């Protein structure tokens, strides 16, 4: 059986007792004017009762009464125990020690001696026990605080891993959703036998390269995300030719900001999917991204026809908008505001994000 000796604990206990012994003796000599040899000898005989009182309190009374919030019993037991120590052990021992220092007058009255030294010994022992209990409770509080902090840290790490896993799942859902939309675009151009089909294939290749390989991190540079959006818009411009006006404005510094990848694209996809029709002679999509004071303000509005005059954005049913709402709540809970509006002629989305 291997017993591990805690030398640090032993050293701290020794330091406590040496400090108590020196401080109380120094006080008796320097402040009260007691005889140096007498007081050191007297307290040396009294010291074992101090040790007994402290450790009985710390390892019996504290766990059985104080930590169980039985405060009255705790105080009562301490008082009774200390009184027993003082009047049955300490006072008799001190009486004979003091008599040894008074050889000229050996007949010291025991009752008078007990009254004087009894009150003093009682106060001193309660003070020492009080200091020890305070240290013990502080140590317990620090250990509990450390445990709570570890539990909170472990809980936070688990939640973070779950959020990361959920974000990865949600981002993975974007890939087939986006691919389905872009392939639809390509299919439309091939049906029209458009010469732009090869260019569309190259654009799709660039977009998929970004989505599959270059944004596999929790956050990406906002500048890269905007570049990806521009590529997507170029793809749609090829599809719609001159029948659609796309206005894309950027204000502020986008080079030093980061954002979770593929967050804004579903709103843009939604504008093309639900709001643009070749039947409209003045179709438009207006997009604005403003960066100011570490905040991103994203605004998008698109025209729509009577046929698409449905509350698609107010109650999103597509995977794209459902997905982006969940990702916002996971990655930016409490740090975003979103307003989605729809009237007779226009859909609009306003998103404010603390980066």
Protein backbone atom coordinates (compact mmCIF):
# COMPACT_ATOMS: atom_id res chain seq x y z
CA UNK A 1 0.00 0.00 0.00
CA UNK A 2 1.56 3.25 -1.16
CA UNK A 3 0.81 6.26 1.01
CA UNK A 4 1.38 9.55 -0.73
CA UNK A 5 2.72 12.14 1.69
CA UNK A 6 1.50 15.65 1.04
CA UNK A 7 4.59 17.63 2.04
CA UNK A 8 3.07 20.90 0.97
CA UNK A 9 0.09 20.37 3.28
CA UNK A 10 2.38 19.44 6.18
CA UNK A 11 4.54 22.51 5.58
CA UNK A 12 1.49 24.81 5.55
CA UNK A 13 0.22 23.35 8.84
CA UNK A 14 3.64 23.76 10.45
CA UNK A 15 3.81 27.33 9.19
CA UNK A 16 0.39 28.03 10.71
CA UNK A 17 1.38 26.74 14.15
CA UNK A 18 4.78 28.43 14.20
CA UNK A 19 3.11 31.72 13.23
CA UNK A 20 0.41 31.34 15.92
CA UNK A 21 2.97 30.48 18.61
CA UNK A 22 5.31 33.34 17.76
CA UNK A 23 2.57 35.97 17.31
CA UNK A 24 0.69 35.22 20.53
CA UNK A 25 3.85 34.97 22.58
CA UNK A 26 5.22 38.17 21.10
CA UNK A 27 1.94 39.91 21.93
CA UNK A 28 2.05 38.70 25.54
CA UNK A 29 5.65 39.86 25.99
CA UNK A 30 5.69 43.12 24.04
CA UNK A 31 2.15 44.38 24.65
CA UNK A 32 1.12 42.82 27.96
CA UNK A 33 4.61 42.95 29.49
CA UNK A 34 4.72 39.28 30.53
CA UNK A 35 7.99 37.61 31.50
CA UNK A 36 9.62 36.19 28.36
CA UNK A 37 10.76 32.85 29.79
CA UNK A 38 7.57 32.31 31.73
CA UNK A 39 5.17 33.07 28.88
CA UNK A 40 7.08 30.97 26.35
CA UNK A 41 7.15 28.03 28.78
CA UNK A 42 3.52 28.51 29.75
CA UNK A 43 2.29 28.58 26.15
CA UNK A 44 4.50 25.64 25.25
CA UNK A 45 2.60 23.50 27.77
CA UNK A 46 -0.70 24.95 26.55
CA UNK A 47 0.13 24.39 22.88
CA UNK A 48 -1.01 20.74 22.67
CA UNK A 49 -4.48 21.73 23.85
CA UNK A 50 -4.60 24.40 21.12
CA UNK A 51 -3.68 21.79 18.52
CA UNK A 52 -6.30 19.38 19.88
CA UNK A 53 -8.98 22.09 19.85
CA UNK A 54 -8.21 23.21 16.30
CA UNK A 55 -8.08 19.75 14.69
CA UNK A 56 -11.12 18.46 16.54
CA UNK A 57 -13.02 21.51 15.29
CA UNK A 58 -11.73 21.27 11.71
CA UNK A 59 -12.19 17.53 11.18
CA UNK A 60 -15.18 16.78 13.39
CA UNK A 61 -17.27 19.86 14.15
CA UNK A 62 -16.89 21.65 10.80
CA UNK A 63 -17.92 18.71 8.55
CA UNK A 64 -20.64 17.39 10.87
CA UNK A 65 -22.22 20.68 11.86
CA UNK A 66 -20.95 23.82 10.11
CA UNK A 67 -20.94 22.45 6.55
CA UNK A 68 -24.39 21.01 7.14
CA UNK A 69 -25.59 24.45 8.24
CA UNK A 70 -26.25 23.35 11.83
CA UNK A 71 -24.80 26.56 13.18
CA UNK A 72 -26.26 26.52 16.72
CA UNK A 73 -24.96 23.01 17.38
CA UNK A 74 -21.59 23.98 15.94
CA UNK A 75 -21.20 26.99 18.27
CA UNK A 76 -22.50 25.05 21.27
CA UNK A 77 -20.08 22.15 20.74
CA UNK A 78 -17.12 24.51 20.30
CA UNK A 79 -17.93 26.36 23.52
CA UNK A 80 -18.39 23.16 25.52
CA UNK A 81 -15.25 21.56 24.09
CA UNK A 82 -13.08 24.65 24.67
CA UNK A 83 -14.39 25.04 28.23
CA UNK A 84 -13.45 21.43 28.92
CA UNK A 85 -9.98 22.01 27.47
CA UNK A 86 -9.45 25.16 29.50
CA UNK A 87 -10.73 24.19 32.94
CA UNK A 88 -9.92 20.47 33.02
CA UNK A 89 -6.56 20.47 31.20
CA UNK A 90 -5.09 23.91 30.52
CA UNK A 91 -5.66 25.62 33.90
CA UNK A 92 -4.29 22.76 36.07
CA UNK A 93 -1.20 22.49 33.88
CA UNK A 94 -0.62 26.26 33.84
CA UNK A 95 -1.15 26.47 37.61
CA UNK A 96 1.76 24.18 38.36
CA UNK A 97 3.95 25.79 35.68
CA UNK A 98 3.35 29.26 37.13
CA UNK A 99 4.03 27.99 40.68
CA UNK A 100 7.41 26.85 39.44
CA UNK A 101 8.23 30.42 38.44
CA UNK A 102 7.17 31.79 41.86
CA UNK A 103 9.32 29.87 44.29
CA UNK A 104 9.20 32.71 46.82
CA UNK A 105 5.40 32.53 47.04
CA UNK A 106 4.39 29.02 46.06
CA UNK A 107 0.93 29.17 47.58
CA UNK A 108 -0.91 30.82 44.66
CA UNK A 109 -4.68 30.70 45.03
CA UNK A 110 -6.00 28.25 42.41
CA UNK A 111 -9.45 29.85 42.15
CA UNK A 112 -8.07 33.34 41.53
CA UNK A 113 -5.56 31.93 39.06
CA UNK A 114 -8.33 30.02 37.24
CA UNK A 115 -10.47 33.13 36.93
CA UNK A 116 -7.66 35.21 35.46
CA UNK A 117 -6.03 32.60 33.21
CA UNK A 118 -9.29 30.83 32.40
CA UNK A 119 -10.88 33.79 30.64
CA UNK A 120 -7.63 34.61 28.86
CA UNK A 121 -7.07 31.01 27.75
CA UNK A 122 -10.68 30.73 26.61
CA UNK A 123 -10.40 33.88 24.45
CA UNK A 124 -7.04 32.81 22.99
CA UNK A 125 -8.25 29.32 22.11
CA UNK A 126 -11.42 30.65 20.47
CA UNK A 127 -9.33 33.12 18.48
CA UNK A 128 -6.96 30.40 17.26
CA UNK A 129 -9.88 28.10 16.40
CA UNK A 130 -11.63 31.00 14.64
CA UNK A 131 -8.54 31.72 12.51
CA UNK A 132 -8.18 28.03 11.63
CA UNK A 133 -11.87 27.70 10.71
CA UNK A 134 -11.68 30.84 8.55
CA UNK A 135 -8.69 29.41 6.68
CA UNK A 136 -10.47 26.05 6.32
CA UNK A 137 -13.66 27.64 4.97
CA UNK A 138 -11.67 29.83 2.59
CA UNK A 139 -9.85 26.76 1.30
CA UNK A 140 -13.14 24.89 0.84
CA UNK A 141 -14.65 27.89 -0.97
CA UNK A 142 -11.64 28.14 -3.30
CA UNK A 143 -11.79 24.42 -4.08
CA UNK A 144 -15.54 24.59 -4.78
CA UNK A 145 -15.00 27.68 -6.93
CA UNK A 146 -12.33 25.84 -8.90
CA UNK A 147 -14.66 22.85 -9.34
CA UNK A 148 -17.51 25.09 -10.51
CA UNK A 149 -15.21 26.85 -12.93
CA UNK A 150 -14.05 23.51 -14.31
CA UNK A 151 -17.65 22.30 -14.64
CA UNK A 152 -18.59 25.54 -16.42
CA UNK A 153 -15.54 25.27 -18.66
CA UNK A 154 -16.32 21.64 -19.53
CA UNK A 155 -19.96 22.55 -20.14
CA UNK A 156 -18.93 25.47 -22.35
CA UNK A 157 -16.53 23.28 -24.32
CA UNK A 158 -19.22 20.64 -24.85
CA UNK A 159 -21.72 23.28 -25.96
CA UNK A 160 -19.10 24.80 -28.25
CA UNK A 161 -18.36 21.44 -29.83
CA UNK A 162 -22.07 20.80 -30.30
CA UNK A 163 -22.51 24.22 -31.89
CA UNK A 164 -19.53 23.64 -34.17
CA UNK A 165 -20.93 20.27 -35.18
CA UNK A 166 -24.35 21.79 -35.85
CA UNK A 167 -22.82 24.64 -37.83
CA UNK A 168 -20.87 22.15 -39.92
CA UNK A 169 -24.07 20.19 -40.56
CA UNK A 170 -25.98 23.34 -41.52
CA UNK A 171 -23.16 24.51 -43.77
CA UNK A 172 -23.02 21.08 -45.39
CA UNK A 173 -26.71 21.43 -46.21
CA UNK A 174 -25.94 24.58 -48.16
CA UNK A 175 -23.74 22.74 -50.65
CA UNK A 176 -26.41 20.54 -52.29
CA UNK A 177 -28.96 23.36 -52.00
CA UNK A 178 -26.67 25.80 -53.80
CA UNK A 179 -25.57 23.20 -56.33
CA UNK A 180 -29.20 22.42 -57.15
CA UNK A 181 -29.91 26.11 -57.84
CA UNK A 182 -26.82 26.70 -59.97
CA UNK A 183 -27.36 23.52 -61.97
CA UNK A 184 -30.88 24.73 -62.64
CA UNK A 185 -29.36 27.91 -64.02
CA UNK A 186 -27.02 25.92 -66.21
CA UNK A 187 -29.87 23.69 -67.36
CA UNK A 188 -31.86 26.74 -68.43
CA UNK A 189 -28.95 28.07 -70.48
CA UNK A 190 -28.37 24.72 -72.18
CA UNK A 191 -32.04 24.54 -73.12
CA UNK A 192 -31.63 27.95 -74.73
CA UNK A 193 -28.42 26.70 -76.35
CA UNK A 194 -26.68 29.74 -74.96
CA UNK A 195 -23.01 30.33 -75.81
CA UNK A 196 -22.60 31.42 -72.22
CA UNK A 197 -22.98 27.87 -70.89
CA UNK A 198 -19.19 27.14 -70.85
CA UNK A 199 -18.56 30.36 -68.89
CA UNK A 200 -21.25 29.34 -66.43
CA UNK A 201 -19.54 25.98 -65.92
CA UNK A 202 -16.28 27.77 -65.03
CA UNK A 203 -18.09 30.09 -62.61
CA UNK A 204 -19.78 27.13 -60.93
CA UNK A 205 -16.40 25.46 -60.61
CA UNK A 206 -14.95 28.54 -58.85
CA UNK A 207 -17.92 28.77 -56.52
CA UNK A 208 -17.78 25.10 -55.56
CA UNK A 209 -14.03 25.32 -55.01
CA UNK A 210 -14.63 28.06 -52.45
CA UNK A 211 -17.50 26.26 -50.76
CA UNK A 212 -15.86 22.85 -50.55
CA UNK A 213 -12.24 23.74 -49.82
CA UNK A 214 -11.65 27.39 -48.96
CA UNK A 215 -14.29 27.98 -46.30
CA UNK A 216 -13.80 24.93 -44.09
CA UNK A 217 -13.13 27.06 -41.02
CA UNK A 218 -15.51 28.44 -38.35
CA UNK A 219 -15.04 31.93 -39.77
CA UNK A 220 -13.64 33.37 -42.99
CA UNK A 221 -12.50 36.81 -44.05
CA UNK A 222 -15.45 38.97 -44.99
CA UNK A 223 -13.55 40.09 -48.09
CA UNK A 224 -13.41 36.46 -49.32
CA UNK A 225 -17.11 36.01 -48.61
CA UNK A 226 -17.92 39.15 -50.61
CA UNK A 227 -15.75 37.90 -53.47
CA UNK A 228 -17.77 34.69 -53.45
CA UNK A 229 -21.01 36.70 -53.55
CA UNK A 230 -19.70 38.71 -56.50
CA UNK A 231 -18.94 35.50 -58.39
CA UNK A 232 -22.46 34.29 -57.73
CA UNK A 233 -23.93 37.58 -58.94
CA UNK A 234 -21.83 37.37 -62.11
CA UNK A 235 -23.28 33.93 -62.69
CA UNK A 236 -26.80 35.31 -62.38
CA UNK A 237 -26.02 38.29 -64.61
CA UNK A 238 -25.04 35.84 -67.34
CA UNK A 239 -28.33 34.04 -66.87
CA UNK A 240 -30.59 37.09 -66.87
CA UNK A 241 -28.56 39.23 -69.28
CA UNK A 242 -29.97 42.79 -69.44
CA UNK A 243 -33.40 41.92 -68.08
CA UNK A 244 -32.20 42.33 -64.49
CA UNK A 245 -30.54 45.25 -62.72
CA UNK A 246 -28.20 44.24 -59.91
CA UNK A 247 -26.82 46.96 -57.65
CA UNK A 248 -24.17 45.83 -55.19
CA UNK A 249 -22.58 48.42 -52.88
CA UNK A 250 -19.98 47.98 -50.15
CA UNK A 251 -19.04 50.57 -47.54
CA UNK A 252 -16.38 50.36 -44.85
CA UNK A 253 -13.34 48.16 -44.25
CA UNK A 254 -14.08 44.53 -45.13
CA UNK A 255 -10.48 43.31 -45.13
CA UNK A 256 -10.06 43.01 -41.37
CA UNK A 257 -13.41 41.45 -40.47
CA UNK A 258 -14.48 37.82 -40.24
CA UNK A 259 -17.85 36.12 -40.59
CA UNK A 260 -19.15 32.56 -40.58
CA UNK A 261 -19.00 31.30 -44.18
CA UNK A 262 -21.93 31.29 -46.58
CA UNK A 263 -24.18 33.24 -44.24
CA UNK A 264 -25.46 35.95 -46.60
CA UNK A 265 -25.70 33.94 -49.80
CA UNK A 266 -29.07 32.25 -49.00
CA UNK A 267 -30.75 35.70 -48.84
CA UNK A 268 -29.36 36.52 -52.26
CA UNK A 269 -30.37 33.13 -53.66
CA UNK A 270 -33.85 33.68 -52.28
CA UNK A 271 -34.13 37.00 -54.12
CA UNK A 272 -33.42 35.32 -57.42
CA UNK A 273 -35.57 32.31 -56.69
CA UNK A 274 -38.72 34.09 -55.49
CA UNK A 275 -38.52 37.68 -56.60
CA UNK A 276 -37.18 37.83 -60.14
CA UNK A 277 -39.18 37.00 -63.21
CA UNK A 278 -38.46 37.52 -66.88
CA UNK A 279 -42.02 38.80 -67.12
CA UNK A 280 -40.89 41.92 -65.26
CA UNK A 281 -39.44 44.60 -67.49
CA UNK A 282 -37.74 46.38 -64.59
CA UNK A 283 -36.53 43.57 -62.36
CA UNK A 284 -33.95 44.59 -59.80
CA UNK A 285 -31.96 43.44 -56.84
CA UNK A 286 -30.34 46.00 -54.56
CA UNK A 287 -27.67 44.78 -52.14
CA UNK A 288 -25.71 46.88 -49.67
CA UNK A 289 -23.09 45.83 -47.11
CA UNK A 290 -21.92 48.43 -44.60
CA UNK A 291 -19.15 47.84 -42.05
CA UNK A 292 -18.98 50.35 -39.19
CA UNK A 293 -17.87 50.07 -35.53
CA UNK A 294 -17.33 46.31 -35.85
CA UNK A 295 -20.90 45.86 -37.06
CA UNK A 296 -22.15 44.54 -40.36
CA UNK A 297 -25.35 45.95 -41.83
CA UNK A 298 -26.65 43.88 -44.71
CA UNK A 299 -29.57 45.05 -46.81
CA UNK A 300 -31.15 43.33 -49.81
CA UNK A 301 -34.34 44.16 -51.68
CA UNK A 302 -35.76 42.70 -54.86
CA UNK A 303 -38.74 43.32 -57.13
CA UNK A 304 -41.52 40.79 -57.43
CA UNK A 305 -44.64 40.10 -59.46
CA UNK A 306 -48.20 39.40 -58.37
CA UNK A 307 -47.54 35.69 -58.94
CA UNK A 308 -44.83 35.69 -56.33
CA UNK A 309 -46.74 37.92 -53.93
CA UNK A 310 -46.59 35.39 -51.11
CA UNK A 311 -45.11 35.73 -47.60
CA UNK A 312 -42.14 33.56 -48.50
CA UNK A 313 -39.67 35.58 -46.49
CA UNK A 314 -41.90 36.24 -43.50
CA UNK A 315 -42.32 32.52 -42.93
CA UNK A 316 -39.41 30.90 -44.76
CA UNK A 317 -40.03 27.37 -45.88
CA UNK A 318 -36.96 26.75 -48.02
CA UNK A 319 -33.86 25.10 -46.63
CA UNK A 320 -31.80 28.22 -47.37
CA UNK A 321 -33.59 30.69 -45.10
CA UNK A 322 -34.37 28.15 -42.41
CA UNK A 323 -30.72 27.26 -42.44
CA UNK A 324 -29.48 30.84 -42.12
CA UNK A 325 -31.81 31.54 -39.21
CA UNK A 326 -30.46 28.54 -37.31
CA UNK A 327 -26.86 29.49 -38.06
CA UNK A 328 -27.46 33.04 -36.86
CA UNK A 329 -28.91 31.76 -33.59
CA UNK A 330 -26.04 29.36 -33.02
CA UNK A 331 -23.12 31.60 -33.98
CA UNK A 332 -24.48 35.06 -33.12
CA UNK A 333 -27.13 34.52 -30.44
CA UNK A 334 -27.98 37.91 -28.92
CA UNK A 335 -25.68 39.67 -31.38
CA UNK A 336 -27.90 40.08 -34.39
CA UNK A 337 -31.15 41.67 -35.52
CA UNK A 338 -33.05 40.67 -38.60
CA UNK A 339 -36.08 42.24 -40.22
CA UNK A 340 -37.78 40.60 -43.20
CA UNK A 341 -40.52 42.52 -44.95
CA UNK A 342 -42.78 41.93 -47.93
CA UNK A 343 -45.20 44.24 -49.69
CA UNK A 344 -46.96 44.22 -53.05
CA UNK A 345 -43.92 45.03 -55.15
CA UNK A 346 -40.84 44.20 -53.09
CA UNK A 347 -39.17 41.78 -50.70
CA UNK A 348 -36.50 43.12 -48.37
CA UNK A 349 -34.16 41.85 -45.68
CA UNK A 350 -32.22 43.91 -43.15
CA UNK A 351 -29.62 42.18 -41.04
CA UNK A 352 -27.50 43.82 -38.34
CA UNK A 353 -24.66 41.69 -37.06
CA UNK A 354 -22.06 42.26 -34.32
CA UNK A 355 -18.92 40.78 -35.79
